[in-house]
Amino acid sequence: MNNLSQKNLQHFIRLLTTAAANAALYHPEHRQVLRFNKQALVVLQELLNVHGDLTLKLIDGQLIHVNSPVASSMSVERLLAAMTRLGISYLRIDAGVYAEELLGLIQVLSKNRDRDPDIADSENIHFGQVEVRYRQPQVNQLAAFGLEEIADHEADRFMDLYQNVRSRRKIEISGISQIVNGFINSFSTQSEAFLALAPLRAIDEYTYTHSTNICLLNLAQARALGIEGQLLNDIGIAAMLHDVGKMFISPDILGKTSQLTEEEWEIMQQHPRLGAEYLLNTPGVPRLAVITAFEHHMRYDGVGYPKTSKPWTQHLCSLMTAISDTYDAMRTHRSYEESLDLEKIVSIMLNLAGNKLHPQLTYNFLNILTSLDKQELLPAAP
């Protein structure tokens, strides 16, 4: 298989598994799922033009294509996990496959482990089923992957935790702590955290992906301030969970590309309170995570939300989260809004320092950004 085919295969698997993750988190007809399905079909057609069909086999814990193992990546691991969970030993997609069929495959791969999977061939997609053995990679096995792939893997684990939140089930805080420890152990300099951002933003606009970015940015800020140990871990956990209240907001409001109505905005403004209440009732969650979930939209000048009846002093972690959130929003390319270059972001954040954002912490953050840019370590806007 030539390099272009290998690249296309990896791209197709990433789109396929990301679409399945969206389908599990929302529903198979969600706009994100349909968008990834469309993109995956385009890449798939390129593979079919070369190979005639696409056959993937699961043999001894490896994914095989054209009699050769597919290079390991987090997306490949996610596909392996899904195939193993569903008892699928091979998957063949024939030329002529159409969008509705591929969407059906995505729906199959999104099925939960505890459901009785309804797996049936379609006109151009065929399954084989046999018992195989597969073990999910552990944190200490991730060293062979680049940081961006580790971040992708951890974001996938985080999505599972958010699914529990959406279902009103309690989350295991140990899982969040493992994710944060994985990040802390996976980069030794501030720059490496930022290098993970571009590939992450290219994956999708998940709430959990955004939270992963905020975690990396907060950890970089905290490390620059000399914070270490348990407080560093708690700051990472708080960042990962800062937007957990959005899981209680309608996806139609969260995904709306036009301006929210007054009623929708009032609903959206409830997510800090809803998130804090959920975390307050979740055993093992650090108090800092509850505080950050409640405070992260308050603004330095106090004109944000939620409103309080008396003067309020925000926690350092909440102030850093607001800075990370502002940067991430401007650095992110969206279908309805272009990302901004670093010079423009610095200018805007300087204007926000002292009103929306804490001034000294903002200058610290911008010093990190400009230092990385001078070293050509800061990724281009995706």
Protein backbone atom coordinates (compact mmCIF):
# COMPACT_ATOMS: atom_id res chain seq x y z
CA MET A 1 0.00 0.00 0.00
CA ASN A 2 1.53 3.33 -1.07
CA ASN A 3 1.96 6.31 1.24
CA LEU A 4 -1.09 8.14 -0.14
CA SER A 5 -3.32 5.10 0.44
CA GLN A 6 -1.95 4.71 3.98
CA LYS A 7 -2.64 8.37 4.68
CA ASN A 8 -6.16 8.12 3.25
CA LEU A 9 -6.86 4.97 5.25
CA GLN A 10 -5.80 6.64 8.50
CA HIS A 11 -7.88 9.69 7.60
CA PHE A 12 -10.93 7.56 6.83
CA ILE A 13 -10.62 5.63 10.10
CA ARG A 14 -10.29 8.87 12.06
CA LEU A 15 -13.40 10.35 10.41
CA LEU A 16 -15.32 7.10 10.88
CA THR A 17 -14.50 6.74 14.58
CA THR A 18 -15.06 10.43 15.26
CA ALA A 19 -18.49 10.22 13.62
CA ALA A 20 -19.27 7.16 15.74
CA ALA A 21 -18.21 9.03 18.87
CA ASN A 22 -20.56 11.87 17.94
CA ALA A 23 -23.39 9.44 17.24
CA ALA A 24 -22.92 7.89 20.68
CA LEU A 25 -22.78 11.26 22.39
CA TYR A 26 -25.74 12.79 20.54
CA HIS A 27 -27.65 10.75 17.94
CA PRO A 28 -26.92 9.27 14.47
CA GLU A 29 -28.69 12.12 12.65
CA HIS A 30 -26.86 14.90 14.51
CA ARG A 31 -25.35 17.49 12.17
CA GLN A 32 -21.82 16.65 13.32
CA VAL A 33 -22.35 12.99 12.48
CA LEU A 34 -23.71 13.84 9.04
CA ARG A 35 -20.79 16.18 8.38
CA PHE A 36 -18.20 13.55 9.26
CA ASN A 37 -20.11 10.91 7.31
CA LYS A 38 -19.94 13.10 4.22
CA GLN A 39 -16.21 13.72 4.66
CA ALA A 40 -15.52 10.04 5.31
CA LEU A 41 -17.37 9.03 2.14
CA VAL A 42 -15.14 11.30 0.02
CA VAL A 43 -11.96 9.78 1.46
CA LEU A 44 -13.41 6.27 1.18
CA GLN A 45 -14.09 6.77 -2.54
CA GLU A 46 -10.42 7.59 -3.06
CA LEU A 47 -9.47 4.31 -1.38
CA LEU A 48 -12.04 2.36 -3.40
CA ASN A 49 -10.72 3.85 -6.65
CA VAL A 50 -7.33 2.31 -5.84
CA HIS A 51 -8.27 -1.00 -4.22
CA GLY A 52 -11.74 -1.82 -5.58
CA ASP A 53 -12.99 -2.55 -2.07
CA LEU A 54 -11.88 -1.77 1.47
CA THR A 55 -11.39 -4.87 3.63
CA LEU A 56 -10.28 -4.54 7.23
CA LYS A 57 -9.53 -7.67 9.27
CA LEU A 58 -8.94 -8.01 12.98
CA ILE A 59 -6.24 -10.64 13.50
CA ASP A 60 -4.48 -11.23 16.81
CA GLY A 61 -5.21 -7.75 18.06
CA GLN A 62 -4.08 -6.00 14.87
CA LEU A 63 -6.00 -4.31 12.08
CA ILE A 64 -5.01 -5.75 8.72
CA HIS A 65 -5.50 -4.18 5.29
CA VAL A 66 -4.16 -5.67 2.04
CA ASN A 67 -2.37 -8.37 4.06
CA SER A 68 -0.41 -5.82 6.06
CA PRO A 69 -0.93 -4.37 9.55
CA VAL A 70 -2.37 -0.87 9.61
CA ALA A 71 0.00 1.54 11.34
CA SER A 72 -1.06 2.00 14.95
CA SER A 73 -2.75 5.27 15.88
CA MET A 74 -5.35 6.26 18.42
CA SER A 75 -8.08 6.19 15.77
CA VAL A 76 -7.04 2.69 14.78
CA GLU A 77 -7.11 1.67 18.45
CA ARG A 78 -10.62 3.11 18.75
CA LEU A 79 -11.78 1.15 15.69
CA LEU A 80 -10.16 -2.01 17.05
CA ALA A 81 -11.92 -1.50 20.37
CA ALA A 82 -15.29 -1.02 18.65
CA MET A 83 -14.85 -4.07 16.42
CA THR A 84 -13.81 -6.21 19.38
CA ARG A 85 -16.68 -4.95 21.52
CA LEU A 86 -19.12 -5.91 18.76
CA GLY A 87 -17.43 -9.19 17.83
CA ILE A 88 -16.56 -8.03 14.30
CA SER A 89 -13.57 -9.86 12.84
CA TYR A 90 -13.62 -8.21 9.44
CA LEU A 91 -15.32 -5.39 7.63
CA ARG A 92 -15.62 -5.12 3.85
CA ILE A 93 -16.89 -2.04 2.04
CA ASP A 94 -17.52 -2.44 -1.68
CA ALA A 95 -17.45 0.12 -4.45
CA GLY A 96 -20.86 1.72 -4.85
CA VAL A 97 -21.34 2.34 -1.14
CA TYR A 98 -23.57 5.34 -0.52
CA ALA A 99 -23.96 7.82 2.29
CA GLU A 100 -26.89 6.09 4.03
CA GLU A 101 -24.96 2.81 4.17
CA LEU A 102 -21.90 4.45 5.66
CA LEU A 103 -24.12 6.19 8.20
CA GLY A 104 -25.47 2.75 9.13
CA LEU A 105 -21.90 1.55 9.75
CA ILE A 106 -21.27 4.58 11.94
CA GLN A 107 -24.38 3.75 13.94
CA VAL A 108 -23.18 0.17 14.44
CA LEU A 109 -19.76 1.33 15.66
CA SER A 110 -21.40 3.77 18.09
CA LYS A 111 -23.31 1.08 19.96
CA ASN A 112 -22.71 0.76 23.67
CA ARG A 113 -20.99 -2.25 25.10
CA ASP A 114 -24.02 -3.34 27.14
CA ARG A 115 -26.45 -3.31 24.23
CA ASP A 116 -27.33 -6.30 22.07
CA PRO A 117 -25.76 -5.17 18.80
CA ASP A 118 -27.95 -5.44 15.73
CA ILE A 119 -25.32 -6.02 13.05
CA ALA A 120 -26.53 -6.83 9.56
CA ASP A 121 -24.95 -6.62 6.12
CA SER A 122 -26.15 -3.98 3.71
CA GLU A 123 -25.82 -3.92 -0.06
CA ASN A 124 -22.19 -2.79 -0.04
CA ILE A 125 -21.05 -3.25 3.57
CA HIS A 126 -20.40 -6.72 4.94
CA PHE A 127 -19.38 -7.96 8.40
CA GLY A 128 -17.69 -11.09 9.68
CA GLN A 129 -17.90 -12.10 13.32
CA VAL A 130 -15.58 -14.27 15.36
CA GLU A 131 -14.24 -14.22 18.90
CA VAL A 132 -10.96 -12.33 19.19
CA ARG A 133 -8.89 -10.91 22.02
CA TYR A 134 -8.02 -7.26 22.37
CA ARG A 135 -6.76 -5.14 25.24
CA GLN A 136 -7.16 -1.37 25.42
CA PRO A 137 -3.77 0.40 25.73
CA GLN A 138 -2.95 1.58 29.24
CA VAL A 139 -1.59 5.01 30.11
CA ASN A 140 1.98 3.73 30.37
CA GLN A 141 1.69 2.18 26.90
CA LEU A 142 0.99 5.54 25.26
CA ALA A 143 4.59 6.70 25.18
CA ALA A 144 5.02 5.34 21.66
CA PHE A 145 2.48 7.85 20.33
CA GLY A 146 2.90 11.57 19.75
CA LEU A 147 1.31 13.99 22.22
CA GLU A 148 -1.45 14.91 19.80
CA GLU A 149 -2.45 11.25 19.52
CA ILE A 150 -2.32 10.85 23.30
CA ALA A 151 -4.56 13.90 23.58
CA ASP A 152 -6.91 12.35 21.03
CA HIS A 153 -7.04 9.13 23.03
CA GLU A 154 -7.65 10.93 26.31
CA ALA A 155 -10.36 13.05 24.69
CA ASP A 156 -12.06 9.84 23.58
CA ARG A 157 -12.00 8.53 27.15
CA PHE A 158 -13.33 11.86 28.35
CA MET A 159 -16.22 11.59 25.88
CA ASP A 160 -17.27 8.35 27.56
CA LEU A 161 -17.30 10.15 30.91
CA TYR A 162 -19.42 12.95 29.46
CA GLN A 163 -21.87 10.38 28.14
CA ASN A 164 -22.38 9.30 31.72
CA VAL A 165 -23.06 12.91 32.69
CA ARG A 166 -25.64 13.29 29.92
CA SER A 167 -27.34 10.13 31.20
CA ARG A 168 -27.38 11.61 34.73
CA ARG A 169 -25.03 8.91 35.98
CA LYS A 170 -22.18 9.59 38.36
CA ILE A 171 -18.71 9.83 36.86
CA GLU A 172 -15.63 8.18 38.29
CA ILE A 173 -13.30 11.01 39.21
CA SER A 174 -10.37 8.58 39.10
CA GLY A 175 -10.85 8.43 35.31
CA ILE A 176 -10.56 12.20 35.00
CA SER A 177 -7.51 12.18 37.26
CA GLN A 178 -5.85 9.56 35.05
CA ILE A 179 -6.48 11.70 31.98
CA VAL A 180 -4.90 14.74 33.61
CA ASN A 181 -1.94 12.71 34.88
CA GLY A 182 -1.51 11.40 31.35
CA PHE A 183 -1.15 14.94 30.07
CA ILE A 184 1.18 16.00 32.88
CA ASN A 185 3.39 12.96 32.31
CA SER A 186 3.31 13.34 28.52
CA PHE A 187 4.89 16.75 28.13
CA SER A 188 7.90 18.21 29.87
CA THR A 189 7.82 21.75 28.46
CA GLN A 190 5.13 24.38 27.96
CA SER A 191 5.58 24.28 24.19
CA GLU A 192 4.63 20.62 23.88
CA ALA A 193 1.21 21.34 25.35
CA PHE A 194 0.53 23.97 22.72
CA LEU A 195 1.77 21.72 19.92
CA ALA A 196 -1.14 19.40 20.65
CA LEU A 197 -3.73 22.06 19.96
CA ALA A 198 -3.74 22.16 16.15
CA PRO A 199 -4.43 18.45 15.57
CA LEU A 200 -7.00 18.44 18.36
CA ARG A 201 -8.94 21.31 16.84
CA ALA A 202 -8.88 19.57 13.49
CA ILE A 203 -10.73 16.58 14.92
CA ASP A 204 -13.99 18.19 15.92
CA GLU A 205 -15.79 20.79 18.00
CA TYR A 206 -16.79 18.45 20.81
CA THR A 207 -17.35 19.96 24.22
CA TYR A 208 -14.88 17.38 25.50
CA THR A 209 -12.28 18.36 22.89
CA HIS A 210 -12.63 21.99 23.94
CA SER A 211 -12.21 20.91 27.55
CA THR A 212 -9.09 18.95 26.63
CA ASN A 213 -7.64 22.09 25.07
CA ILE A 214 -8.47 24.13 28.18
CA CYS A 215 -6.79 21.49 30.34
CA LEU A 216 -3.58 21.70 28.30
CA LEU A 217 -3.63 25.50 28.33
CA ASN A 218 -4.31 25.69 32.06
CA LEU A 219 -1.53 23.23 32.81
CA ALA A 220 0.87 25.32 30.72
CA GLN A 221 -0.15 28.48 32.60
CA ALA A 222 0.11 26.79 35.99
CA ARG A 223 3.52 25.29 35.23
CA ALA A 224 4.78 28.72 34.15
CA LEU A 225 3.68 30.01 37.56
CA GLY A 226 5.64 27.24 39.29
CA ILE A 227 2.60 25.22 40.38
CA GLU A 228 3.27 21.52 40.88
CA GLY A 229 1.96 18.43 42.67
CA GLN A 230 -1.64 17.91 43.71
CA LEU A 231 -2.69 21.49 42.96
CA LEU A 232 -1.47 21.11 39.37
CA ASN A 233 -3.50 17.91 39.07
CA ASP A 234 -6.59 19.59 40.56
CA ILE A 235 -6.24 22.51 38.14
CA GLY A 236 -6.20 20.04 35.24
CA ILE A 237 -9.26 18.21 36.58
CA ALA A 238 -11.10 21.49 37.06
CA ALA A 239 -10.30 22.51 33.48
CA MET A 240 -11.53 19.19 32.09
CA LEU A 241 -14.81 19.56 33.96
CA HIS A 242 -15.38 23.31 33.70
CA ASP A 243 -18.05 22.97 30.98
CA VAL A 244 -19.72 19.83 32.30
CA GLY A 245 -22.94 21.80 32.82
CA LYS A 246 -23.36 22.04 29.04
CA MET A 247 -24.30 18.38 29.04
CA PHE A 248 -27.59 19.50 30.58
CA ILE A 249 -28.24 22.04 27.79
CA SER A 250 -30.06 21.04 24.60
CA PRO A 251 -27.67 20.10 21.75
CA ASP A 252 -29.78 22.29 19.47
CA ILE A 253 -28.81 25.33 21.54
CA LEU A 254 -25.17 24.26 21.92
CA GLY A 255 -24.78 23.64 18.20
CA LYS A 256 -26.68 26.69 16.96
CA THR A 257 -24.54 28.72 14.53
CA SER A 258 -26.77 31.80 14.51
CA GLN A 259 -27.30 34.20 17.40
CA LEU A 260 -29.17 32.74 20.37
CA THR A 261 -32.58 34.12 21.22
CA GLU A 262 -33.02 35.83 24.59
CA GLU A 263 -34.71 32.71 25.95
CA GLU A 264 -31.96 30.42 24.60
CA TRP A 265 -29.27 32.68 26.09
CA GLU A 266 -30.95 32.51 29.49
CA ILE A 267 -30.89 28.72 29.24
CA MET A 268 -27.23 28.72 28.19
CA GLN A 269 -26.31 30.89 31.17
CA GLN A 270 -27.54 28.15 33.48
CA HIS A 271 -24.71 25.77 32.59
CA PRO A 272 -22.19 27.02 35.23
CA ARG A 273 -24.73 26.48 38.01
CA LEU A 274 -25.87 23.13 36.62
CA GLY A 275 -22.28 21.95 36.28
CA ALA A 276 -21.34 23.03 39.81
CA GLU A 277 -24.41 21.32 41.28
CA TYR A 278 -23.62 18.10 39.42
CA LEU A 279 -19.97 18.11 40.53
CA LEU A 280 -20.90 19.01 44.11
CA ASN A 281 -22.92 15.80 44.28
CA THR A 282 -20.23 13.65 42.64
CA PRO A 283 -18.01 11.78 45.16
CA GLY A 284 -14.30 12.47 44.94
CA VAL A 285 -14.47 15.62 42.81
CA PRO A 286 -11.97 18.24 44.01
CA ARG A 287 -13.60 21.33 45.47
CA LEU A 288 -11.63 23.37 42.94
CA ALA A 289 -13.53 21.73 40.07
CA VAL A 290 -16.87 22.76 41.60
CA ILE A 291 -15.63 26.33 42.06
CA THR A 292 -14.22 26.59 38.53
CA ALA A 293 -17.39 25.19 36.93
CA PHE A 294 -19.40 27.86 38.75
CA GLU A 295 -17.02 30.79 38.22
CA HIS A 296 -15.48 30.43 34.75
CA HIS A 297 -17.88 32.92 33.07
CA MET A 298 -17.94 35.54 35.83
CA ARG A 299 -15.27 37.81 34.24
CA TYR A 300 -12.57 39.69 36.10
CA ASP A 301 -14.70 42.89 36.18
CA GLY A 302 -17.69 41.01 37.62
CA VAL A 303 -20.12 41.63 34.76
CA GLY A 304 -20.33 38.03 33.59
CA TYR A 305 -22.54 35.23 34.89
CA PRO A 306 -23.86 33.76 37.12
CA LYS A 307 -24.63 36.83 39.21
CA THR A 308 -24.01 36.75 42.94
CA SER A 309 -25.65 38.78 45.69
CA LYS A 310 -22.38 39.96 47.22
CA PRO A 311 -18.84 40.82 46.08
CA TRP A 312 -17.10 37.74 44.82
CA THR A 313 -13.40 36.92 44.48
CA GLN A 314 -12.71 34.37 41.76
CA HIS A 315 -10.25 31.55 42.29
CA LEU A 316 -6.94 31.59 40.40
CA CYS A 317 -8.00 28.49 38.46
CA SER A 318 -11.23 30.16 37.29
CA LEU A 319 -9.26 33.20 36.12
CA MET A 320 -6.82 31.01 34.17
CA THR A 321 -9.70 29.03 32.69
CA ALA A 322 -11.29 32.24 31.37
CA ILE A 323 -8.00 33.14 29.68
CA SER A 324 -7.58 29.68 28.14
CA ASP A 325 -11.21 29.71 27.02
CA THR A 326 -10.80 33.09 25.31
CA TYR A 327 -7.67 31.99 23.47
CA ASP A 328 -9.14 28.66 22.40
CA ALA A 329 -12.28 30.29 21.02
CA MET A 330 -10.28 32.70 18.86
CA ARG A 331 -7.78 30.08 17.71
CA THR A 332 -10.49 27.67 16.63
CA HIS A 333 -11.78 27.50 13.07
CA ARG A 334 -15.54 27.02 12.90
CA SER A 335 -17.93 26.67 10.00
CA TYR A 336 -19.34 30.10 10.79
CA GLU A 337 -16.20 31.87 12.05
CA GLU A 338 -12.58 31.90 10.89
CA SER A 339 -9.75 31.43 13.37
CA LEU A 340 -7.52 34.44 14.06
CA ASP A 341 -3.76 34.72 13.70
CA LEU A 342 -1.56 35.15 16.75
CA GLU A 343 -0.97 38.88 16.25
CA LYS A 344 -4.71 39.57 16.22
CA ILE A 345 -5.32 37.33 19.24
CA VAL A 346 -2.61 39.09 21.26
CA SER A 347 -4.11 42.48 20.40
CA ILE A 348 -7.62 41.41 21.43
CA MET A 349 -6.48 39.76 24.66
CA LEU A 350 -4.46 42.84 25.63
CA ASN A 351 -7.64 44.90 25.25
CA LEU A 352 -9.52 42.39 27.41
CA ALA A 353 -6.88 42.43 30.17
CA GLY A 354 -8.26 44.30 33.15
CA ASN A 355 -11.94 43.92 32.23
CA LYS A 356 -12.91 40.46 31.05
CA LEU A 357 -9.55 38.88 31.92
CA HIS A 358 -7.18 39.13 34.88
CA PRO A 359 -4.40 41.47 33.68
CA GLN A 360 -1.29 39.87 35.24
CA LEU A 361 -2.35 36.34 34.34
CA THR A 362 -3.15 37.47 30.80
CA TYR A 363 0.32 38.99 30.40
CA ASN A 364 1.84 35.74 31.68
CA PHE A 365 -0.20 33.77 29.15
CA LEU A 366 0.74 36.08 26.27
CA ASN A 367 4.40 35.88 27.22
CA ILE A 368 4.15 32.11 26.80
CA LEU A 369 2.48 32.51 23.41
CA THR A 370 4.90 35.06 22.02
CA SER A 371 7.89 33.10 23.33
CA LEU A 372 6.68 29.97 21.57
CA ASP A 373 5.98 31.90 18.38
CA LYS A 374 9.52 33.31 18.33
CA GLN A 375 10.83 29.76 18.69
CA GLU A 376 8.46 28.71 15.85
CA LEU A 377 6.87 26.20 18.21
CA LEU A 378 3.36 27.59 18.06
CA PRO A 379 1.16 25.77 15.51
CA ALA A 380 -0.61 27.67 12.78
CA ALA A 381 -4.31 28.22 13.24
CA PRO A 382 -6.23 25.14 12.02
